[in-house]
Amino acid sequence: MAVYELHDKAVMKKPHPCGENLWEITFLGADVKLRCCKCGRMVMLPRQDFDKSLKKVIKKETEQLQ
């Protein structure tokens, strides 16, 4: 099981019909809400289905205050 947080980018096994397979995680709970990074379409998947179709997680960029 991958470790992911809100606003991380997720690469899925199958692409969206628009051709993109990179998604941003916008909600975490029993379901996971994703936004396509190309067309902006939002989808909700049960967490179990999301875990099955997840290929890898790209962590969000964190700003460091100096």
PDB file of N, CA and C in Angstrom:
ATOM      1  N   MET A   1       0.840  -1.183   0.000  1.00  0.00           N
ATOM      2  CA  MET A   1       0.000   0.000   0.000  1.00  0.00           C
ATOM      3  C   MET A   1       0.880   1.240   0.000  1.00  0.00           C
ATOM      4  N   ALA A   2       0.585   2.161  -0.899  1.00  0.00           N
ATOM      5  CA  ALA A   2       1.360   3.393  -1.022  1.00  0.00           C
ATOM      6  C   ALA A   2       0.912   4.404   0.031  1.00  0.00           C
ATOM      7  N   VAL A   3       1.814   5.269   0.408  1.00  0.00           N
ATOM      8  CA  VAL A   3       1.503   6.344   1.338  1.00  0.00           C
ATOM      9  C   VAL A   3       1.288   7.606   0.521  1.00  0.00           C
ATOM     10  N   TYR A   4       0.127   8.211   0.664  1.00  0.00           N
ATOM     11  CA  TYR A   4      -0.191   9.421  -0.091  1.00  0.00           C
ATOM     12  C   TYR A   4      -0.952  10.381   0.804  1.00  0.00           C
ATOM     13  N   GLU A   5      -0.874  11.650   0.455  1.00  0.00           N
ATOM     14  CA  GLU A   5      -1.507  12.713   1.220  1.00  0.00           C
ATOM     15  C   GLU A   5      -2.323  13.586   0.278  1.00  0.00           C
ATOM     16  N   LEU A   6      -3.044  14.509   0.843  1.00  0.00           N
ATOM     17  CA  LEU A   6      -3.836  15.459   0.078  1.00  0.00           C
ATOM     18  C   LEU A   6      -2.931  16.292  -0.823  1.00  0.00           C
ATOM     19  N   HIS A   7      -3.333  16.519  -2.054  1.00  0.00           N
ATOM     20  CA  HIS A   7      -2.643  17.318  -3.075  1.00  0.00           C
ATOM     21  C   HIS A   7      -1.382  16.668  -3.637  1.00  0.00           C
ATOM     22  N   ASP A   8      -1.145  15.391  -3.332  1.00  0.00           N
ATOM     23  CA  ASP A   8      -0.088  14.649  -4.013  1.00  0.00           C
ATOM     24  C   ASP A   8      -0.568  14.339  -5.420  1.00  0.00           C
ATOM     25  N   LYS A   9       0.356  14.088  -6.318  1.00  0.00           N
ATOM     26  CA  LYS A   9       0.021  13.663  -7.678  1.00  0.00           C
ATOM     27  C   LYS A   9       0.095  12.140  -7.725  1.00  0.00           C
ATOM     28  N   ALA A  10      -0.867  11.527  -8.396  1.00  0.00           N
ATOM     29  CA  ALA A  10      -0.918  10.074  -8.507  1.00  0.00           C
ATOM     30  C   ALA A  10      -0.866   9.680  -9.973  1.00  0.00           C
ATOM     31  N   VAL A  11       0.006   8.746 -10.308  1.00  0.00           N
ATOM     32  CA  VAL A  11       0.077   8.194 -11.663  1.00  0.00           C
ATOM     33  C   VAL A  11      -0.696   6.886 -11.625  1.00  0.00           C
ATOM     34  N   MET A  12      -1.715   6.797 -12.479  1.00  0.00           N
ATOM     35  CA  MET A  12      -2.583   5.622 -12.505  1.00  0.00           C
ATOM     36  C   MET A  12      -2.152   4.662 -13.603  1.00  0.00           C
ATOM     37  N   LYS A  13      -2.590   3.400 -13.500  1.00  0.00           N
ATOM     38  CA  LYS A  13      -2.222   2.389 -14.484  1.00  0.00           C
ATOM     39  C   LYS A  13      -2.851   2.651 -15.843  1.00  0.00           C
ATOM     40  N   LYS A  14      -4.115   3.056 -15.854  1.00  0.00           N
ATOM     41  CA  LYS A  14      -4.816   3.317 -17.110  1.00  0.00           C
ATOM     42  C   LYS A  14      -5.036   4.822 -17.257  1.00  0.00           C
ATOM     43  N   PRO A  15      -4.856   5.355 -18.460  1.00  0.00           N
ATOM     44  CA  PRO A  15      -5.055   6.797 -18.647  1.00  0.00           C
ATOM     45  C   PRO A  15      -6.536   7.182 -18.699  1.00  0.00           C
ATOM     46  N   HIS A  16      -6.806   8.445 -18.426  1.00  0.00           N
ATOM     47  CA  HIS A  16      -8.131   9.043 -18.572  1.00  0.00           C
ATOM     48  C   HIS A  16      -8.422   9.143 -20.072  1.00  0.00           C
ATOM     49  N   PRO A  17      -9.677   9.168 -20.511  1.00  0.00           N
ATOM     50  CA  PRO A  17      -9.972   9.279 -21.949  1.00  0.00           C
ATOM     51  C   PRO A  17      -9.326  10.492 -22.641  1.00  0.00           C
ATOM     52  N   CYS A  18      -8.967  11.520 -21.880  1.00  0.00           N
ATOM     53  CA  CYS A  18      -8.293  12.672 -22.487  1.00  0.00           C
ATOM     54  C   CYS A  18      -6.828  12.369 -22.800  1.00  0.00           C
ATOM     55  N   GLY A  19      -6.309  11.232 -22.307  1.00  0.00           N
ATOM     56  CA  GLY A  19      -4.943  10.813 -22.600  1.00  0.00           C
ATOM     57  C   GLY A  19      -3.967  10.969 -21.449  1.00  0.00           C
ATOM     58  N   GLU A  20      -4.382  11.609 -20.374  1.00  0.00           N
ATOM     59  CA  GLU A  20      -3.502  11.864 -19.228  1.00  0.00           C
ATOM     60  C   GLU A  20      -3.668  10.766 -18.178  1.00  0.00           C
ATOM     61  N   ASN A  21      -2.570  10.375 -17.528  1.00  0.00           N
ATOM     62  CA  ASN A  21      -2.691   9.415 -16.421  1.00  0.00           C
ATOM     63  C   ASN A  21      -2.155  10.002 -15.115  1.00  0.00           C
ATOM     64  N   LEU A  22      -2.004  11.334 -15.059  1.00  0.00           N
ATOM     65  CA  LEU A  22      -1.556  12.034 -13.853  1.00  0.00           C
ATOM     66  C   LEU A  22      -2.758  12.721 -13.213  1.00  0.00           C
ATOM     67  N   TRP A  23      -2.985  12.443 -11.933  1.00  0.00           N
ATOM     68  CA  TRP A  23      -4.130  12.962 -11.201  1.00  0.00           C
ATOM     69  C   TRP A  23      -3.670  13.628  -9.912  1.00  0.00           C
ATOM     70  N   GLU A  24      -4.406  14.635  -9.455  1.00  0.00           N
ATOM     71  CA  GLU A  24      -4.142  15.267  -8.163  1.00  0.00           C
ATOM     72  C   GLU A  24      -5.181  14.774  -7.168  1.00  0.00           C
ATOM     73  N   ILE A  25      -4.730  14.376  -5.980  1.00  0.00           N
ATOM     74  CA  ILE A  25      -5.634  13.907  -4.936  1.00  0.00           C
ATOM     75  C   ILE A  25      -6.228  15.135  -4.243  1.00  0.00           C
ATOM     76  N   THR A  26      -7.571  15.266  -4.302  1.00  0.00           N
ATOM     77  CA  THR A  26      -8.223  16.434  -3.711  1.00  0.00           C
ATOM     78  C   THR A  26      -9.055  16.114  -2.481  1.00  0.00           C
ATOM     79  N   PHE A  27      -9.327  14.825  -2.207  1.00  0.00           N
ATOM     80  CA  PHE A  27     -10.075  14.427  -1.025  1.00  0.00           C
ATOM     81  C   PHE A  27      -9.659  13.016  -0.628  1.00  0.00           C
ATOM     82  N   LEU A  28      -9.444  12.823   0.655  1.00  0.00           N
ATOM     83  CA  LEU A  28      -9.121  11.492   1.185  1.00  0.00           C
ATOM     84  C   LEU A  28     -10.114  11.134   2.279  1.00  0.00           C
ATOM     85  N   GLY A  29     -10.646   9.949   2.202  1.00  0.00           N
ATOM     86  CA  GLY A  29     -11.579   9.422   3.193  1.00  0.00           C
ATOM     87  C   GLY A  29     -11.802   7.966   2.844  1.00  0.00           C
ATOM     88  N   ALA A  30     -13.038   7.508   3.001  1.00  0.00           N
ATOM     89  CA  ALA A  30     -13.363   6.157   2.549  1.00  0.00           C
ATOM     90  C   ALA A  30     -13.265   6.106   1.026  1.00  0.00           C
ATOM     91  N   ASP A  31     -13.530   7.257   0.390  1.00  0.00           N
ATOM     92  CA  ASP A  31     -13.361   7.421  -1.049  1.00  0.00           C
ATOM     93  C   ASP A  31     -12.204   8.374  -1.289  1.00  0.00           C
ATOM     94  N   VAL A  32     -11.677   8.342  -2.499  1.00  0.00           N
ATOM     95  CA  VAL A  32     -10.602   9.254  -2.891  1.00  0.00           C
ATOM     96  C   VAL A  32     -11.105  10.061  -4.081  1.00  0.00           C
ATOM     97  N   LYS A  33     -11.021  11.384  -3.976  1.00  0.00           N
ATOM     98  CA  LYS A  33     -11.452  12.256  -5.069  1.00  0.00           C
ATOM     99  C   LYS A  33     -10.211  12.724  -5.815  1.00  0.00           C
ATOM    100  N   LEU A  34     -10.245  12.581  -7.129  1.00  0.00           N
ATOM    101  CA  LEU A  34      -9.104  12.912  -7.976  1.00  0.00           C
ATOM    102  C   LEU A  34      -9.495  13.948  -9.020  1.00  0.00           C
ATOM    103  N   ARG A  35      -8.528  14.801  -9.400  1.00  0.00           N
ATOM    104  CA  ARG A  35      -8.729  15.773 -10.470  1.00  0.00           C
ATOM    105  C   ARG A  35      -7.691  15.512 -11.548  1.00  0.00           C
ATOM    106  N   CYS A  36      -8.152  15.338 -12.785  1.00  0.00           N
ATOM    107  CA  CYS A  36      -7.245  15.104 -13.905  1.00  0.00           C
ATOM    108  C   CYS A  36      -6.390  16.355 -14.114  1.00  0.00           C
ATOM    109  N   CYS A  37      -5.096  16.178 -14.257  1.00  0.00           N
ATOM    110  CA  CYS A  37      -4.184  17.316 -14.400  1.00  0.00           C
ATOM    111  C   CYS A  37      -4.214  17.922 -15.798  1.00  0.00           C
ATOM    112  N   LYS A  38      -4.838  17.252 -16.768  1.00  0.00           N
ATOM    113  CA  LYS A  38      -4.909  17.785 -18.127  1.00  0.00           C
ATOM    114  C   LYS A  38      -6.234  18.502 -18.384  1.00  0.00           C
ATOM    115  N   CYS A  39      -7.351  17.807 -18.136  1.00  0.00           N
ATOM    116  CA  CYS A  39      -8.652  18.384 -18.489  1.00  0.00           C
ATOM    117  C   CYS A  39      -9.435  18.913 -17.289  1.00  0.00           C
ATOM    118  N   GLY A  40      -9.026  18.574 -16.062  1.00  0.00           N
ATOM    119  CA  GLY A  40      -9.691  19.089 -14.867  1.00  0.00           C
ATOM    120  C   GLY A  40     -10.896  18.294 -14.410  1.00  0.00           C
ATOM    121  N   ARG A  41     -11.217  17.189 -15.063  1.00  0.00           N
ATOM    122  CA  ARG A  41     -12.358  16.354 -14.682  1.00  0.00           C
ATOM    123  C   ARG A  41     -12.131  15.781 -13.292  1.00  0.00           C
ATOM    124  N   MET A  42     -13.197  15.756 -12.468  1.00  0.00           N
ATOM    125  CA  MET A  42     -13.115  15.211 -11.112  1.00  0.00           C
ATOM    126  C   MET A  42     -13.813  13.853 -11.081  1.00  0.00           C
ATOM    127  N   VAL A  43     -13.187  12.881 -10.428  1.00  0.00           N
ATOM    128  CA  VAL A  43     -13.788  11.557 -10.230  1.00  0.00           C
ATOM    129  C   VAL A  43     -13.578  11.116  -8.787  1.00  0.00           C
ATOM    130  N   MET A  44     -14.495  10.290  -8.297  1.00  0.00           N
ATOM    131  CA  MET A  44     -14.352   9.704  -6.960  1.00  0.00           C
ATOM    132  C   MET A  44     -14.279   8.198  -7.109  1.00  0.00           C
ATOM    133  N   LEU A  45     -13.313   7.610  -6.420  1.00  0.00           N
ATOM    134  CA  LEU A  45     -13.136   6.165  -6.423  1.00  0.00           C
ATOM    135  C   LEU A  45     -13.141   5.664  -4.988  1.00  0.00           C
ATOM    136  N   PRO A  46     -13.679   4.478  -4.751  1.00  0.00           N
ATOM    137  CA  PRO A  46     -13.483   3.869  -3.431  1.00  0.00           C
ATOM    138  C   PRO A  46     -11.977   3.676  -3.199  1.00  0.00           C
ATOM    139  N   ARG A  47     -11.532   3.856  -1.979  1.00  0.00           N
ATOM    140  CA  ARG A  47     -10.097   3.783  -1.675  1.00  0.00           C
ATOM    141  C   ARG A  47      -9.492   2.451  -2.119  1.00  0.00           C
ATOM    142  N   GLN A  48     -10.242   1.367  -1.985  1.00  0.00           N
ATOM    143  CA  GLN A  48      -9.744   0.051  -2.383  1.00  0.00           C
ATOM    144  C   GLN A  48      -9.475   0.001  -3.891  1.00  0.00           C
ATOM    145  N   ASP A  49     -10.374   0.551  -4.714  1.00  0.00           N
ATOM    146  CA  ASP A  49     -10.167   0.589  -6.166  1.00  0.00           C
ATOM    147  C   ASP A  49      -8.999   1.516  -6.525  1.00  0.00           C
ATOM    148  N   PHE A  50      -8.892   2.636  -5.794  1.00  0.00           N
ATOM    149  CA  PHE A  50      -7.788   3.569  -6.028  1.00  0.00           C
ATOM    150  C   PHE A  50      -6.449   2.892  -5.760  1.00  0.00           C
ATOM    151  N   ASP A  51      -6.352   2.157  -4.649  1.00  0.00           N
ATOM    152  CA  ASP A  51      -5.105   1.465  -4.309  1.00  0.00           C
ATOM    153  C   ASP A  51      -4.727   0.436  -5.371  1.00  0.00           C
ATOM    154  N   LYS A  52      -5.724  -0.240  -5.949  1.00  0.00           N
ATOM    155  CA  LYS A  52      -5.457  -1.238  -6.988  1.00  0.00           C
ATOM    156  C   LYS A  52      -4.937  -0.605  -8.270  1.00  0.00           C
ATOM    157  N   SER A  53      -5.491   0.550  -8.650  1.00  0.00           N
ATOM    158  CA  SER A  53      -5.137   1.152  -9.940  1.00  0.00           C
ATOM    159  C   SER A  53      -4.003   2.171  -9.840  1.00  0.00           C
ATOM    160  N   LEU A  54      -3.459   2.381  -8.650  1.00  0.00           N
ATOM    161  CA  LEU A  54      -2.358   3.320  -8.452  1.00  0.00           C
ATOM    162  C   LEU A  54      -1.045   2.718  -8.923  1.00  0.00           C
ATOM    163  N   LYS A  55      -0.297   3.474  -9.714  1.00  0.00           N
ATOM    164  CA  LYS A  55       1.008   3.017 -10.193  1.00  0.00           C
ATOM    165  C   LYS A  55       2.118   3.591  -9.311  1.00  0.00           C
ATOM    166  N   LYS A  56       2.107   4.924  -9.107  1.00  0.00           N
ATOM    167  CA  LYS A  56       3.076   5.546  -8.202  1.00  0.00           C
ATOM    168  C   LYS A  56       2.558   6.898  -7.745  1.00  0.00           C
ATOM    169  N   VAL A  57       3.153   7.413  -6.672  1.00  0.00           N
ATOM    170  CA  VAL A  57       2.770   8.688  -6.089  1.00  0.00           C
ATOM    171  C   VAL A  57       3.925   9.668  -6.241  1.00  0.00           C
ATOM    172  N   ILE A  58       3.594  10.872  -6.692  1.00  0.00           N
ATOM    173  CA  ILE A  58       4.574  11.949  -6.770  1.00  0.00           C
ATOM    174  C   ILE A  58       4.204  12.928  -5.664  1.00  0.00           C
ATOM    175  N   LYS A  59       5.088  13.081  -4.700  1.00  0.00           N
ATOM    176  CA  LYS A  59       4.795  13.920  -3.541  1.00  0.00           C
ATOM    177  C   LYS A  59       4.650  15.374  -3.958  1.00  0.00           C
ATOM    178  N   LYS A  60       3.778  16.095  -3.240  1.00  0.00           N
ATOM    179  CA  LYS A  60       3.588  17.516  -3.515  1.00  0.00           C
ATOM    180  C   LYS A  60       4.856  18.279  -3.140  1.00  0.00           C
ATOM    181  N   GLU A  61       5.042  19.388  -3.791  1.00  0.00           N
ATOM    182  CA  GLU A  61       6.201  20.220  -3.476  1.00  0.00           C
ATOM    183  C   GLU A  61       5.874  21.042  -2.245  1.00  0.00           C
ATOM    184  N   THR A  62       6.741  20.982  -1.261  1.00  0.00           N
ATOM    185  CA  THR A  62       6.522  21.749  -0.050  1.00  0.00           C
ATOM    186  C   THR A  62       7.444  22.960  -0.063  1.00  0.00           C
ATOM    187  N   GLU A  63       6.863  24.099   0.282  1.00  0.00           N
ATOM    188  CA  GLU A  63       7.666  25.312   0.325  1.00  0.00           C
ATOM    189  C   GLU A  63       8.385  25.363   1.668  1.00  0.00           C
ATOM    190  N   GLN A  64       9.644  25.668   1.618  1.00  0.00           N
ATOM    191  CA  GLN A  64      10.424  25.769   2.855  1.00  0.00           C
ATOM    192  C   GLN A  64      10.645  27.240   3.171  1.00  0.00           C
ATOM    193  N   LEU A  65      10.275  27.621   4.366  1.00  0.00           N
ATOM    194  CA  LEU A  65      10.477  28.986   4.804  1.00  0.00           C
ATOM    195  C   LEU A  65      11.853  29.121   5.411  1.00  0.00           C
ATOM    196  N   GLN A  66      12.550  30.153   5.022  1.00  0.00           N
ATOM    197  CA  GLN A  66      13.909  30.357   5.565  1.00  0.00           C
ATOM    198  C   GLN A  66      14.001  31.685   6.243  1.00  0.00           C
TER     199      GLN A  66
END
